Every structure is written in structure tokens, then in C-alpha cells.
Amino acid sequence: MDALLFSTIALIVIVGTILISAGEFGKGAEAGKGALTLVGLSIVAGYVVALASGSV
């Protein structure tokens, strides 16, 4: 379970940093949708990484 948490947090930080530096986050409702999409995709990717590492 630690791999899931670590990989999810790492993905949120990495992808969030890239998106913010690229100016991809919009304003208002668009920013909220972008943030929710980022978190959702990071959780899914973190779960896949945790499954692959055998920690889940």
C-alpha cells in the first residue's frame, strides 16, 4: 500500500509541476476540472504501479 501512496503523490507532483510550468491550467471551472482529472489519473496510475510492484 505504501507504493500506491508514494507513486500517486509523486505523479501528482510531477504532472502538476509540468502543467503549471506549461501554463496548461485554466481559470475558474476549467482549473477545477483539470485538477480533478490530474488527481484521478494519478490515482489510477499509482494503483497500476502498485499492482506491478506486487505491493497490493
C-alpha atoms as a PDB file:
ATOM      1  CA  MET A   1       0.000   0.000   0.000  1.00  0.00           C
ATOM      2  CA  ASP A   2       2.966   2.285   0.525  1.00  0.00           C
ATOM      3  CA  ALA A   3       3.885   2.014  -3.157  1.00  0.00           C
ATOM      4  CA  LEU A   4       0.384   3.122  -4.134  1.00  0.00           C
ATOM      5  CA  LEU A   5       0.515   6.182  -1.910  1.00  0.00           C
ATOM      6  CA  PHE A   6       4.055   7.118  -2.879  1.00  0.00           C
ATOM      7  CA  SER A   7       3.549   6.708  -6.616  1.00  0.00           C
ATOM      8  CA  THR A   8       0.255   8.616  -6.553  1.00  0.00           C
ATOM      9  CA  ILE A   9       1.795  11.563  -4.700  1.00  0.00           C
ATOM     10  CA  ALA A  10       4.868  11.523  -6.935  1.00  0.00           C
ATOM     11  CA  LEU A  11       2.731  11.515 -10.089  1.00  0.00           C
ATOM     12  CA  ILE A  12       0.548  14.377  -8.826  1.00  0.00           C
ATOM     13  CA  VAL A  13       3.616  16.463  -8.022  1.00  0.00           C
ATOM     14  CA  ILE A  14       5.446  15.712 -11.276  1.00  0.00           C
ATOM     15  CA  VAL A  15       2.490  16.148 -13.628  1.00  0.00           C
ATOM     16  CA  GLY A  16       1.170  19.152 -11.688  1.00  0.00           C
ATOM     17  CA  THR A  17       4.546  20.871 -11.895  1.00  0.00           C
ATOM     18  CA  ILE A  18       4.751  20.249 -15.633  1.00  0.00           C
ATOM     19  CA  LEU A  19       1.222  21.523 -16.239  1.00  0.00           C
ATOM     20  CA  ILE A  20       1.697  24.639 -14.113  1.00  0.00           C
ATOM     21  CA  SER A  21       5.030  25.485 -15.744  1.00  0.00           C
ATOM     22  CA  ALA A  22       3.486  24.977 -19.189  1.00  0.00           C
ATOM     23  CA  GLY A  23       0.549  27.202 -18.258  1.00  0.00           C
ATOM     24  CA  GLU A  24      -2.000  24.484 -19.027  1.00  0.00           C
ATOM     25  CA  PHE A  25      -4.211  25.135 -16.014  1.00  0.00           C
ATOM     26  CA  GLY A  26      -7.031  27.468 -16.917  1.00  0.00           C
ATOM     27  CA  LYS A  27      -9.073  29.705 -14.690  1.00  0.00           C
ATOM     28  CA  GLY A  28     -12.298  29.013 -12.824  1.00  0.00           C
ATOM     29  CA  ALA A  29     -14.205  25.851 -13.642  1.00  0.00           C
ATOM     30  CA  GLU A  30     -11.608  24.748 -16.178  1.00  0.00           C
ATOM     31  CA  ALA A  31      -8.925  24.694 -13.465  1.00  0.00           C
ATOM     32  CA  GLY A  32     -11.164  22.580 -11.231  1.00  0.00           C
ATOM     33  CA  LYS A  33     -11.757  20.055 -13.992  1.00  0.00           C
ATOM     34  CA  GLY A  34      -8.039  19.931 -14.740  1.00  0.00           C
ATOM     35  CA  ALA A  35      -7.170  19.349 -11.090  1.00  0.00           C
ATOM     36  CA  LEU A  36      -9.749  16.572 -10.711  1.00  0.00           C
ATOM     37  CA  THR A  37      -8.543  14.918 -13.905  1.00  0.00           C
ATOM     38  CA  LEU A  38      -4.942  15.099 -12.673  1.00  0.00           C
ATOM     39  CA  VAL A  39      -5.808  13.536  -9.318  1.00  0.00           C
ATOM     40  CA  GLY A  40      -7.962  10.823 -10.903  1.00  0.00           C
ATOM     41  CA  LEU A  41      -5.378   9.806 -13.455  1.00  0.00           C
ATOM     42  CA  SER A  42      -2.614   9.857 -10.841  1.00  0.00           C
ATOM     43  CA  ILE A  43      -4.600   7.552  -8.551  1.00  0.00           C
ATOM     44  CA  VAL A  44      -5.243   5.114 -11.385  1.00  0.00           C
ATOM     45  CA  ALA A  45      -1.596   5.180 -12.476  1.00  0.00           C
ATOM     46  CA  GLY A  46      -0.448   4.785  -8.870  1.00  0.00           C
ATOM     47  CA  TYR A  47      -2.680   1.745  -8.462  1.00  0.00           C
ATOM     48  CA  VAL A  48      -1.250   0.188 -11.630  1.00  0.00           C
ATOM     49  CA  VAL A  49       2.302   0.793 -10.398  1.00  0.00           C
ATOM     50  CA  ALA A  50       1.455  -0.720  -7.004  1.00  0.00           C
ATOM     51  CA  LEU A  51      -0.072  -3.770  -8.710  1.00  0.00           C
ATOM     52  CA  ALA A  52       3.004  -4.179 -10.889  1.00  0.00           C
ATOM     53  CA  SER A  53       5.323  -3.979  -7.894  1.00  0.00           C
ATOM     54  CA  GLY A  54       3.268  -6.574  -6.025  1.00  0.00           C
ATOM     55  CA  SER A  55       2.533  -4.408  -3.002  1.00  0.00           C
ATOM     56  CA  VAL A  56      -1.265  -4.544  -3.386  1.00  0.00           C
END
